[in-house]
Amino acid sequence: MKTLAALMTASAILLLTSGCVGTGTPINGSLFVSGLKSPVAIGDNTAGHSKVGEATANGVIGIVIDGDCSIATAMEKGGITKIHHVDSQVTNILGIYATYTTRVYGD
């Protein structure tokens, strides 16, 4: 019985700390808090990068997910028609709250 209780406790801890709110990152984050900025894509090298557009999506415990972090939305918000490059920023706090922001640079 003690073994079963220990197994259930370990399973519960793994489930709670595994991060129910998923964010796409190229590396595994910290168990408690992660913040990561990373490149997504390179566009036209002849385009400038005088404008920046941002689009964000948020998640709470994987149940409530709100927002549009698409490249198209970031381009629209920044008034960008020609992409120079795209970056992303991911924040995840205890797997409870997460944000994913896409930043598009261009003209």
PDB file of N, CA and C in Angstrom:
ATOM      1  N   MET A   1       0.822  -1.186   0.000  1.00  0.00           N
ATOM      2  CA  MET A   1       0.000   0.000   0.000  1.00  0.00           C
ATOM      3  C   MET A   1       0.875   1.263   0.000  1.00  0.00           C
ATOM      4  N   LYS A   2       1.986   1.217   0.751  1.00  0.00           N
ATOM      5  CA  LYS A   2       2.874   2.378   0.788  1.00  0.00           C
ATOM      6  C   LYS A   2       3.490   2.629  -0.590  1.00  0.00           C
ATOM      7  N   THR A   3       3.803   1.584  -1.302  1.00  0.00           N
ATOM      8  CA  THR A   3       4.374   1.715  -2.638  1.00  0.00           C
ATOM      9  C   THR A   3       3.381   2.359  -3.596  1.00  0.00           C
ATOM     10  N   LEU A   4       2.128   1.963  -3.505  1.00  0.00           N
ATOM     11  CA  LEU A   4       1.089   2.546  -4.345  1.00  0.00           C
ATOM     12  C   LEU A   4       0.910   4.034  -4.038  1.00  0.00           C
ATOM     13  N   ALA A   5       0.915   4.386  -2.757  1.00  0.00           N
ATOM     14  CA  ALA A   5       0.778   5.788  -2.360  1.00  0.00           C
ATOM     15  C   ALA A   5       1.967   6.608  -2.854  1.00  0.00           C
ATOM     16  N   ALA A   6       3.161   6.050  -2.755  1.00  0.00           N
ATOM     17  CA  ALA A   6       4.358   6.754  -3.229  1.00  0.00           C
ATOM     18  C   ALA A   6       4.323   6.930  -4.745  1.00  0.00           C
ATOM     19  N   LEU A   7       3.862   5.904  -5.456  1.00  0.00           N
ATOM     20  CA  LEU A   7       3.756   5.979  -6.910  1.00  0.00           C
ATOM     21  C   LEU A   7       2.728   7.028  -7.331  1.00  0.00           C
ATOM     22  N   MET A   8       1.598   7.061  -6.648  1.00  0.00           N
ATOM     23  CA  MET A   8       0.566   8.055  -6.962  1.00  0.00           C
ATOM     24  C   MET A   8       1.051   9.473  -6.669  1.00  0.00           C
ATOM     25  N   THR A   9       1.769   9.644  -5.571  1.00  0.00           N
ATOM     26  CA  THR A   9       2.310  10.960  -5.220  1.00  0.00           C
ATOM     27  C   THR A   9       3.331  11.415  -6.254  1.00  0.00           C
ATOM     28  N   ALA A  10       4.226  10.521  -6.648  1.00  0.00           N
ATOM     29  CA  ALA A  10       5.234  10.866  -7.660  1.00  0.00           C
ATOM     30  C   ALA A  10       4.573  11.208  -8.988  1.00  0.00           C
ATOM     31  N   SER A  11       3.548  10.454  -9.358  1.00  0.00           N
ATOM     32  CA  SER A  11       2.826  10.733 -10.607  1.00  0.00           C
ATOM     33  C   SER A  11       2.144  12.094 -10.558  1.00  0.00           C
ATOM     34  N   ALA A  12       1.538  12.415  -9.431  1.00  0.00           N
ATOM     35  CA  ALA A  12       0.871  13.712  -9.281  1.00  0.00           C
ATOM     36  C   ALA A  12       1.877  14.852  -9.374  1.00  0.00           C
ATOM     37  N   ILE A  13       3.035  14.693  -8.754  1.00  0.00           N
ATOM     38  CA  ILE A  13       4.063  15.738  -8.805  1.00  0.00           C
ATOM     39  C   ILE A  13       4.551  15.923 -10.240  1.00  0.00           C
ATOM     40  N   LEU A  14       4.789  14.823 -10.939  1.00  0.00           N
ATOM     41  CA  LEU A  14       5.232  14.927 -12.332  1.00  0.00           C
ATOM     42  C   LEU A  14       4.182  15.593 -13.202  1.00  0.00           C
ATOM     43  N   LEU A  15       2.935  15.255 -13.003  1.00  0.00           N
ATOM     44  CA  LEU A  15       1.852  15.854 -13.780  1.00  0.00           C
ATOM     45  C   LEU A  15       1.750  17.345 -13.515  1.00  0.00           C
ATOM     46  N   LEU A  16       1.827  17.734 -12.247  1.00  0.00           N
ATOM     47  CA  LEU A  16       1.674  19.150 -11.891  1.00  0.00           C
ATOM     48  C   LEU A  16       2.863  19.995 -12.303  1.00  0.00           C
ATOM     49  N   THR A  17       4.043  19.412 -12.340  1.00  0.00           N
ATOM     50  CA  THR A  17       5.227  20.205 -12.675  1.00  0.00           C
ATOM     51  C   THR A  17       5.658  20.058 -14.123  1.00  0.00           C
ATOM     52  N   SER A  18       4.945  19.265 -14.902  1.00  0.00           N
ATOM     53  CA  SER A  18       5.362  19.054 -16.286  1.00  0.00           C
ATOM     54  C   SER A  18       4.991  20.209 -17.188  1.00  0.00           C
ATOM     55  N   GLY A  19       4.157  21.103 -16.740  1.00  0.00           N
ATOM     56  CA  GLY A  19       3.794  22.262 -17.545  1.00  0.00           C
ATOM     57  C   GLY A  19       2.600  21.965 -18.420  1.00  0.00           C
ATOM     58  N   CYS A  20       1.429  22.110 -17.880  1.00  0.00           N
ATOM     59  CA  CYS A  20       0.208  21.835 -18.636  1.00  0.00           C
ATOM     60  C   CYS A  20       0.004  22.839 -19.756  1.00  0.00           C
ATOM     61  N   VAL A  21       0.570  24.024 -19.608  1.00  0.00           N
ATOM     62  CA  VAL A  21       0.451  25.037 -20.645  1.00  0.00           C
ATOM     63  C   VAL A  21       1.649  24.876 -21.554  1.00  0.00           C
ATOM     64  N   GLY A  22       1.417  24.404 -22.739  1.00  0.00           N
ATOM     65  CA  GLY A  22       2.517  24.138 -23.651  1.00  0.00           C
ATOM     66  C   GLY A  22       2.887  25.371 -24.451  1.00  0.00           C
ATOM     67  N   THR A  23       4.166  25.594 -24.607  1.00  0.00           N
ATOM     68  CA  THR A  23       4.668  26.650 -25.476  1.00  0.00           C
ATOM     69  C   THR A  23       5.765  26.054 -26.334  1.00  0.00           C
ATOM     70  N   GLY A  24       5.772  26.382 -27.583  1.00  0.00           N
ATOM     71  CA  GLY A  24       6.778  25.831 -28.476  1.00  0.00           C
ATOM     72  C   GLY A  24       8.122  26.481 -28.259  1.00  0.00           C
ATOM     73  N   THR A  25       9.083  25.743 -27.755  1.00  0.00           N
ATOM     74  CA  THR A  25      10.422  26.270 -27.556  1.00  0.00           C
ATOM     75  C   THR A  25      11.443  25.307 -28.127  1.00  0.00           C
ATOM     76  N   PRO A  26      12.570  25.825 -28.601  1.00  0.00           N
ATOM     77  CA  PRO A  26      13.594  24.944 -29.144  1.00  0.00           C
ATOM     78  C   PRO A  26      14.386  24.197 -28.078  1.00  0.00           C
ATOM     79  N   ILE A  27      14.241  24.594 -26.799  1.00  0.00           N
ATOM     80  CA  ILE A  27      14.927  23.899 -25.711  1.00  0.00           C
ATOM     81  C   ILE A  27      13.942  23.686 -24.581  1.00  0.00           C
ATOM     82  N   ASN A  28      14.262  22.760 -23.697  1.00  0.00           N
ATOM     83  CA  ASN A  28      13.416  22.549 -22.529  1.00  0.00           C
ATOM     84  C   ASN A  28      13.642  23.680 -21.548  1.00  0.00           C
ATOM     85  N   GLY A  29      12.567  24.160 -20.961  1.00  0.00           N
ATOM     86  CA  GLY A  29      12.660  25.283 -20.037  1.00  0.00           C
ATOM     87  C   GLY A  29      12.917  24.834 -18.618  1.00  0.00           C
ATOM     88  N   SER A  30      12.982  25.797 -17.748  1.00  0.00           N
ATOM     89  CA  SER A  30      13.161  25.562 -16.333  1.00  0.00           C
ATOM     90  C   SER A  30      11.896  24.930 -15.761  1.00  0.00           C
ATOM     91  N   LEU A  31      12.037  24.267 -14.644  1.00  0.00           N
ATOM     92  CA  LEU A  31      10.894  23.658 -13.990  1.00  0.00           C
ATOM     93  C   LEU A  31       9.933  24.721 -13.472  1.00  0.00           C
ATOM     94  N   PHE A  32      10.449  25.858 -13.013  1.00  0.00           N
ATOM     95  CA  PHE A  32       9.609  26.867 -12.382  1.00  0.00           C
ATOM     96  C   PHE A  32       9.247  28.021 -13.304  1.00  0.00           C
ATOM     97  N   VAL A  33      10.241  28.684 -13.868  1.00  0.00           N
ATOM     98  CA  VAL A  33       9.986  29.830 -14.738  1.00  0.00           C
ATOM     99  C   VAL A  33      10.930  29.756 -15.921  1.00  0.00           C
ATOM    100  N   SER A  34      10.400  29.975 -17.111  1.00  0.00           N
ATOM    101  CA  SER A  34      11.278  30.039 -18.269  1.00  0.00           C
ATOM    102  C   SER A  34      10.923  31.258 -19.090  1.00  0.00           C
ATOM    103  N   GLY A  35      11.918  31.884 -19.630  1.00  0.00           N
ATOM    104  CA  GLY A  35      11.758  33.018 -20.531  1.00  0.00           C
ATOM    105  C   GLY A  35      12.783  32.848 -21.635  1.00  0.00           C
ATOM    106  N   LEU A  36      12.324  32.823 -22.859  1.00  0.00           N
ATOM    107  CA  LEU A  36      13.229  32.530 -23.961  1.00  0.00           C
ATOM    108  C   LEU A  36      12.884  33.391 -25.157  1.00  0.00           C
ATOM    109  N   LYS A  37      13.900  33.995 -25.744  1.00  0.00           N
ATOM    110  CA  LYS A  37      13.749  34.703 -27.019  1.00  0.00           C
ATOM    111  C   LYS A  37      14.523  33.906 -28.050  1.00  0.00           C
ATOM    112  N   SER A  38      13.908  33.680 -29.217  1.00  0.00           N
ATOM    113  CA  SER A  38      14.597  32.891 -30.233  1.00  0.00           C
ATOM    114  C   SER A  38      14.166  33.307 -31.630  1.00  0.00           C
ATOM    115  N   PRO A  39      15.018  33.036 -32.618  1.00  0.00           N
ATOM    116  CA  PRO A  39      14.658  33.345 -34.000  1.00  0.00           C
ATOM    117  C   PRO A  39      13.647  32.334 -34.525  1.00  0.00           C
ATOM    118  N   VAL A  40      12.816  32.788 -35.449  1.00  0.00           N
ATOM    119  CA  VAL A  40      11.844  31.904 -36.073  1.00  0.00           C
ATOM    120  C   VAL A  40      12.170  31.735 -37.549  1.00  0.00           C
ATOM    121  N   ALA A  41      12.374  32.863 -38.237  1.00  0.00           N
ATOM    122  CA  ALA A  41      12.611  32.784 -39.681  1.00  0.00           C
ATOM    123  C   ALA A  41      13.339  34.026 -40.165  1.00  0.00           C
ATOM    124  N   ILE A  42      13.978  33.889 -41.316  1.00  0.00           N
ATOM    125  CA  ILE A  42      14.602  35.015 -41.990  1.00  0.00           C
ATOM    126  C   ILE A  42      13.847  35.227 -43.285  1.00  0.00           C
ATOM    127  N   GLY A  43      13.517  36.472 -43.547  1.00  0.00           N
ATOM    128  CA  GLY A  43      12.782  36.797 -44.769  1.00  0.00           C
ATOM    129  C   GLY A  43      13.714  37.332 -45.839  1.00  0.00           C
ATOM    130  N   ASP A  44      13.318  38.441 -46.416  1.00  0.00           N
ATOM    131  CA  ASP A  44      14.052  39.080 -47.505  1.00  0.00           C
ATOM    132  C   ASP A  44      15.178  39.940 -46.931  1.00  0.00           C
ATOM    133  N   ASN A  45      16.426  39.582 -47.241  1.00  0.00           N
ATOM    134  CA  ASN A  45      17.569  40.344 -46.719  1.00  0.00           C
ATOM    135  C   ASN A  45      17.655  41.750 -47.283  1.00  0.00           C
ATOM    136  N   THR A  46      16.968  42.013 -48.399  1.00  0.00           N
ATOM    137  CA  THR A  46      16.995  43.359 -48.962  1.00  0.00           C
ATOM    138  C   THR A  46      15.985  44.275 -48.277  1.00  0.00           C
ATOM    139  N   ALA A  47      15.062  43.685 -47.522  1.00  0.00           N
ATOM    140  CA  ALA A  47      14.074  44.494 -46.791  1.00  0.00           C
ATOM    141  C   ALA A  47      14.731  45.115 -45.569  1.00  0.00           C
ATOM    142  N   GLY A  48      14.302  46.304 -45.229  1.00  0.00           N
ATOM    143  CA  GLY A  48      14.781  46.941 -44.009  1.00  0.00           C
ATOM    144  C   GLY A  48      14.047  46.375 -42.816  1.00  0.00           C
ATOM    145  N   HIS A  49      14.366  46.895 -41.633  1.00  0.00           N
ATOM    146  CA  HIS A  49      13.643  46.462 -40.447  1.00  0.00           C
ATOM    147  C   HIS A  49      13.291  47.657 -39.578  1.00  0.00           C
ATOM    148  N   SER A  50      12.711  48.672 -40.230  1.00  0.00           N
ATOM    149  CA  SER A  50      12.348  49.896 -39.534  1.00  0.00           C
ATOM    150  C   SER A  50      11.035  49.768 -38.756  1.00  0.00           C
ATOM    151  N   LYS A  51      10.229  48.745 -39.084  1.00  0.00           N
ATOM    152  CA  LYS A  51       8.952  48.545 -38.400  1.00  0.00           C
ATOM    153  C   LYS A  51       8.968  47.223 -37.638  1.00  0.00           C
ATOM    154  N   VAL A  52       8.218  47.195 -36.530  1.00  0.00           N
ATOM    155  CA  VAL A  52       8.087  45.974 -35.736  1.00  0.00           C
ATOM    156  C   VAL A  52       6.614  45.749 -35.445  1.00  0.00           C
ATOM    157  N   GLY A  53       6.147  44.542 -35.687  1.00  0.00           N
ATOM    158  CA  GLY A  53       4.774  44.156 -35.351  1.00  0.00           C
ATOM    159  C   GLY A  53       4.805  43.011 -34.373  1.00  0.00           C
ATOM    160  N   GLU A  54       3.884  43.030 -33.389  1.00  0.00           N
ATOM    161  CA  GLU A  54       3.846  42.017 -32.345  1.00  0.00           C
ATOM    162  C   GLU A  54       2.479  41.376 -32.266  1.00  0.00           C
ATOM    163  N   ALA A  55       2.439  40.080 -32.043  1.00  0.00           N
ATOM    164  CA  ALA A  55       1.187  39.358 -31.831  1.00  0.00           C
ATOM    165  C   ALA A  55       1.414  38.360 -30.700  1.00  0.00           C
ATOM    166  N   THR A  56       0.470  38.287 -29.754  1.00  0.00           N
ATOM    167  CA  THR A  56       0.659  37.477 -28.549  1.00  0.00           C
ATOM    168  C   THR A  56      -0.541  36.571 -28.279  1.00  0.00           C
ATOM    169  N   ALA A  57      -0.248  35.384 -27.765  1.00  0.00           N
ATOM    170  CA  ALA A  57      -1.272  34.464 -27.275  1.00  0.00           C
ATOM    171  C   ALA A  57      -0.919  34.101 -25.837  1.00  0.00           C
ATOM    172  N   ASN A  58      -1.933  33.915 -25.009  1.00  0.00           N
ATOM    173  CA  ASN A  58      -1.749  33.581 -23.596  1.00  0.00           C
ATOM    174  C   ASN A  58      -2.465  32.282 -23.272  1.00  0.00           C
ATOM    175  N   GLY A  59      -1.950  31.561 -22.281  1.00  0.00           N
ATOM    176  CA  GLY A  59      -2.587  30.332 -21.831  1.00  0.00           C
ATOM    177  C   GLY A  59      -2.552  30.239 -20.325  1.00  0.00           C
ATOM    178  N   VAL A  60      -3.622  29.698 -19.754  1.00  0.00           N
ATOM    179  CA  VAL A  60      -3.703  29.480 -18.317  1.00  0.00           C
ATOM    180  C   VAL A  60      -4.067  28.017 -18.095  1.00  0.00           C
ATOM    181  N   ILE A  61      -3.156  27.258 -17.531  1.00  0.00           N
ATOM    182  CA  ILE A  61      -3.310  25.836 -17.221  1.00  0.00           C
ATOM    183  C   ILE A  61      -3.780  25.023 -18.431  1.00  0.00           C
ATOM    184  N   GLY A  62      -3.509  25.501 -19.616  1.00  0.00           N
ATOM    185  CA  GLY A  62      -3.885  24.763 -20.804  1.00  0.00           C
ATOM    186  C   GLY A  62      -5.382  24.716 -21.064  1.00  0.00           C
ATOM    187  N   ILE A  63      -6.162  25.372 -20.212  1.00  0.00           N
ATOM    188  CA  ILE A  63      -7.617  25.377 -20.362  1.00  0.00           C
ATOM    189  C   ILE A  63      -8.058  26.615 -21.110  1.00  0.00           C
ATOM    190  N   VAL A  64      -7.553  27.759 -20.684  1.00  0.00           N
ATOM    191  CA  VAL A  64      -7.898  29.030 -21.320  1.00  0.00           C
ATOM    192  C   VAL A  64      -6.723  29.443 -22.192  1.00  0.00           C
ATOM    193  N   ILE A  65      -6.929  29.448 -23.492  1.00  0.00           N
ATOM    194  CA  ILE A  65      -5.895  29.886 -24.424  1.00  0.00           C
ATOM    195  C   ILE A  65      -6.522  30.962 -25.287  1.00  0.00           C
ATOM    196  N   ASP A  66      -5.902  32.142 -25.270  1.00  0.00           N
ATOM    197  CA  ASP A  66      -6.491  33.289 -25.933  1.00  0.00           C
ATOM    198  C   ASP A  66      -5.425  34.036 -26.704  1.00  0.00           C
ATOM    199  N   GLY A  67      -5.771  34.507 -27.879  1.00  0.00           N
ATOM    200  CA  GLY A  67      -4.863  35.340 -28.644  1.00  0.00           C
ATOM    201  C   GLY A  67      -4.527  34.753 -29.994  1.00  0.00           C
ATOM    202  N   ASP A  68      -3.828  35.557 -30.762  1.00  0.00           N
ATOM    203  CA  ASP A  68      -3.394  35.170 -32.099  1.00  0.00           C
ATOM    204  C   ASP A  68      -1.947  35.603 -32.227  1.00  0.00           C
ATOM    205  N   CYS A  69      -1.042  34.659 -32.212  1.00  0.00           N
ATOM    206  CA  CYS A  69       0.386  34.988 -32.287  1.00  0.00           C
ATOM    207  C   CYS A  69       0.955  34.653 -33.665  1.00  0.00           C
ATOM    208  N   SER A  70       0.114  34.756 -34.683  1.00  0.00           N
ATOM    209  CA  SER A  70       0.554  34.419 -36.038  1.00  0.00           C
ATOM    210  C   SER A  70       1.425  35.521 -36.635  1.00  0.00           C
ATOM    211  N   ILE A  71       2.220  35.150 -37.610  1.00  0.00           N
ATOM    212  CA  ILE A  71       3.058  36.110 -38.319  1.00  0.00           C
ATOM    213  C   ILE A  71       2.183  37.115 -39.058  1.00  0.00           C
ATOM    214  N   ALA A  72       1.087  36.647 -39.642  1.00  0.00           N
ATOM    215  CA  ALA A  72       0.184  37.538 -40.387  1.00  0.00           C
ATOM    216  C   ALA A  72      -0.393  38.626 -39.484  1.00  0.00           C
ATOM    217  N   THR A  73      -0.781  38.272 -38.265  1.00  0.00           N
ATOM    218  CA  THR A  73      -1.325  39.263 -37.331  1.00  0.00           C
ATOM    219  C   THR A  73      -0.255  40.253 -36.904  1.00  0.00           C
ATOM    220  N   ALA A  74       0.955  39.771 -36.644  1.00  0.00           N
ATOM    221  CA  ALA A  74       2.056  40.669 -36.267  1.00  0.00           C
ATOM    222  C   ALA A  74       2.377  41.627 -37.414  1.00  0.00           C
ATOM    223  N   MET A  75       2.346  41.124 -38.653  1.00  0.00           N
ATOM    224  CA  MET A  75       2.591  41.989 -39.815  1.00  0.00           C
ATOM    225  C   MET A  75       1.515  43.070 -39.906  1.00  0.00           C
ATOM    226  N   GLU A  76       0.275  42.674 -39.722  1.00  0.00           N
ATOM    227  CA  GLU A  76      -0.838  43.627 -39.802  1.00  0.00           C
ATOM    228  C   GLU A  76      -0.724  44.702 -38.724  1.00  0.00           C
ATOM    229  N   LYS A  77      -0.409  44.304 -37.496  1.00  0.00           N
ATOM    230  CA  LYS A  77      -0.289  45.262 -36.393  1.00  0.00           C
ATOM    231  C   LYS A  77       0.876  46.225 -36.592  1.00  0.00           C
ATOM    232  N   GLY A  78       1.926  45.768 -37.267  1.00  0.00           N
ATOM    233  CA  GLY A  78       3.093  46.621 -37.491  1.00  0.00           C
ATOM    234  C   GLY A  78       3.075  47.345 -38.820  1.00  0.00           C
ATOM    235  N   GLY A  79       2.052  47.107 -39.624  1.00  0.00           N
ATOM    236  CA  GLY A  79       1.990  47.729 -40.943  1.00  0.00           C
ATOM    237  C   GLY A  79       3.113  47.262 -41.850  1.00  0.00           C
ATOM    238  N   ILE A  80       3.453  45.993 -41.759  1.00  0.00           N
ATOM    239  CA  ILE A  80       4.591  45.427 -42.491  1.00  0.00           C
ATOM    240  C   ILE A  80       4.097  44.658 -43.710  1.00  0.00           C
ATOM    241  N   THR A  81       4.730  44.911 -44.845  1.00  0.00           N
ATOM    242  CA  THR A  81       4.388  44.179 -46.068  1.00  0.00           C
ATOM    243  C   THR A  81       5.551  43.324 -46.561  1.00  0.00           C
ATOM    244  N   LYS A  82       6.766  43.629 -46.096  1.00  0.00           N
ATOM    245  CA  LYS A  82       7.954  42.903 -46.523  1.00  0.00           C
ATOM    246  C   LYS A  82       8.748  42.502 -45.268  1.00  0.00           C
ATOM    247  N   ILE A  83       8.893  41.208 -45.024  1.00  0.00           N
ATOM    248  CA  ILE A  83       9.519  40.706 -43.790  1.00  0.00           C
ATOM    249  C   ILE A  83      11.040  40.645 -43.931  1.00  0.00           C
ATOM    250  N   HIS A  84      11.721  41.190 -42.918  1.00  0.00           N
ATOM    251  CA  HIS A  84      13.174  41.042 -42.809  1.00  0.00           C
ATOM    252  C   HIS A  84      13.493  39.794 -41.986  1.00  0.00           C
ATOM    253  N   HIS A  85      12.922  39.711 -40.773  1.00  0.00           N
ATOM    254  CA  HIS A  85      13.082  38.509 -39.958  1.00  0.00           C
ATOM    255  C   HIS A  85      11.977  38.438 -38.907  1.00  0.00           C
ATOM    256  N   VAL A  86      11.846  37.254 -38.312  1.00  0.00           N
ATOM    257  CA  VAL A  86      10.815  36.992 -37.314  1.00  0.00           C
ATOM    258  C   VAL A  86      11.467  36.378 -36.082  1.00  0.00           C
ATOM    259  N   ASP A  87      11.133  36.893 -34.904  1.00  0.00           N
ATOM    260  CA  ASP A  87      11.609  36.355 -33.632  1.00  0.00           C
ATOM    261  C   ASP A  87      10.408  35.953 -32.789  1.00  0.00           C
ATOM    262  N   SER A  88      10.659  35.146 -31.754  1.00  0.00           N
ATOM    263  CA  SER A  88       9.597  34.793 -30.826  1.00  0.00           C
ATOM    264  C   SER A  88      10.098  34.953 -29.402  1.00  0.00           C
ATOM    265  N   GLN A  89       9.168  35.132 -28.489  1.00  0.00           N
ATOM    266  CA  GLN A  89       9.484  35.188 -27.066  1.00  0.00           C
ATOM    267  C   GLN A  89       8.472  34.332 -26.330  1.00  0.00           C
ATOM    268  N   VAL A  90       8.965  33.410 -25.520  1.00  0.00           N
ATOM    269  CA  VAL A  90       8.114  32.495 -24.771  1.00  0.00           C
ATOM    270  C   VAL A  90       8.373  32.683 -23.289  1.00  0.00           C
ATOM    271  N   THR A  91       7.304  32.760 -22.514  1.00  0.00           N
ATOM    272  CA  THR A  91       7.406  32.801 -21.063  1.00  0.00           C
ATOM    273  C   THR A  91       6.473  31.742 -20.507  1.00  0.00           C
ATOM    274  N   ASN A  92       6.958  30.957 -19.558  1.00  0.00           N
ATOM    275  CA  ASN A  92       6.144  29.917 -18.935  1.00  0.00           C
ATOM    276  C   ASN A  92       6.430  29.938 -17.437  1.00  0.00           C
ATOM    277  N   ILE A  93       5.395  30.109 -16.637  1.00  0.00           N
ATOM    278  CA  ILE A  93       5.545  30.175 -15.185  1.00  0.00           C
ATOM    279  C   ILE A  93       4.821  28.983 -14.568  1.00  0.00           C
ATOM    280  N   LEU A  94       5.596  28.039 -14.073  1.00  0.00           N
ATOM    281  CA  LEU A  94       5.095  26.851 -13.384  1.00  0.00           C
ATOM    282  C   LEU A  94       4.111  26.025 -14.202  1.00  0.00           C
ATOM    283  N   GLY A  95       4.085  26.204 -15.496  1.00  0.00           N
ATOM    284  CA  GLY A  95       3.120  25.479 -16.299  1.00  0.00           C
ATOM    285  C   GLY A  95       1.701  25.956 -16.074  1.00  0.00           C
ATOM    286  N   ILE A  96       1.565  27.054 -15.344  1.00  0.00           N
ATOM    287  CA  ILE A  96       0.239  27.587 -15.025  1.00  0.00           C
ATOM    288  C   ILE A  96      -0.118  28.715 -15.979  1.00  0.00           C
ATOM    289  N   TYR A  97       0.835  29.613 -16.212  1.00  0.00           N
ATOM    290  CA  TYR A  97       0.600  30.757 -17.096  1.00  0.00           C
ATOM    291  C   TYR A  97       1.701  30.795 -18.149  1.00  0.00           C
ATOM    292  N   ALA A  98       1.312  30.973 -19.404  1.00  0.00           N
ATOM    293  CA  ALA A  98       2.298  31.029 -20.484  1.00  0.00           C
ATOM    294  C   ALA A  98       1.892  32.076 -21.514  1.00  0.00           C
ATOM    295  N   THR A  99       2.906  32.680 -22.130  1.00  0.00           N
ATOM    296  CA  THR A  99       2.669  33.594 -23.251  1.00  0.00           C
ATOM    297  C   THR A  99       3.608  33.221 -24.385  1.00  0.00           C
ATOM    298  N   TYR A 100       3.144  33.443 -25.597  1.00  0.00           N
ATOM    299  CA  TYR A 100       3.971  33.249 -26.781  1.00  0.00           C
ATOM    300  C   TYR A 100       3.777  34.504 -27.642  1.00  0.00           C
ATOM    301  N   THR A 101       4.860  35.228 -27.877  1.00  0.00           N
ATOM    302  CA  THR A 101       4.811  36.461 -28.668  1.00  0.00           C
ATOM    303  C   THR A 101       5.647  36.285 -29.925  1.00  0.00           C
ATOM    304  N   THR A 102       5.075  36.663 -31.051  1.00  0.00           N
ATOM    305  CA  THR A 102       5.772  36.666 -32.326  1.00  0.00           C
ATOM    306  C   THR A 102       6.079  38.111 -32.691  1.00  0.00           C
ATOM    307  N   ARG A 103       7.343  38.412 -33.014  1.00  0.00           N
ATOM    308  CA  ARG A 103       7.733  39.757 -33.454  1.00  0.00           C
ATOM    309  C   ARG A 103       8.227  39.669 -34.885  1.00  0.00           C
ATOM    310  N   VAL A 104       7.626  40.498 -35.731  1.00  0.00           N
ATOM    311  CA  VAL A 104       8.009  40.544 -37.140  1.00  0.00           C
ATOM    312  C   VAL A 104       8.693  41.880 -37.388  1.00  0.00           C
ATOM    313  N   TYR A 105       9.857  41.845 -38.006  1.00  0.00           N
ATOM    314  CA  TYR A 105      10.617  43.047 -38.348  1.00  0.00           C
ATOM    315  C   TYR A 105      10.616  43.182 -39.860  1.00  0.00           C
ATOM    316  N   GLY A 106      10.403  44.392 -40.348  1.00  0.00           N
ATOM    317  CA  GLY A 106      10.411  44.596 -41.783  1.00  0.00           C
ATOM    318  C   GLY A 106       9.997  45.993 -42.178  1.00  0.00           C
ATOM    319  N   ASP A 107       9.579  46.140 -43.407  1.00  0.00           N
ATOM    320  CA  ASP A 107       9.125  47.429 -43.944  1.00  0.00           C
ATOM    321  C   ASP A 107       7.683  47.331 -44.432  1.00  0.00           C
TER     322      ASP A 107
END
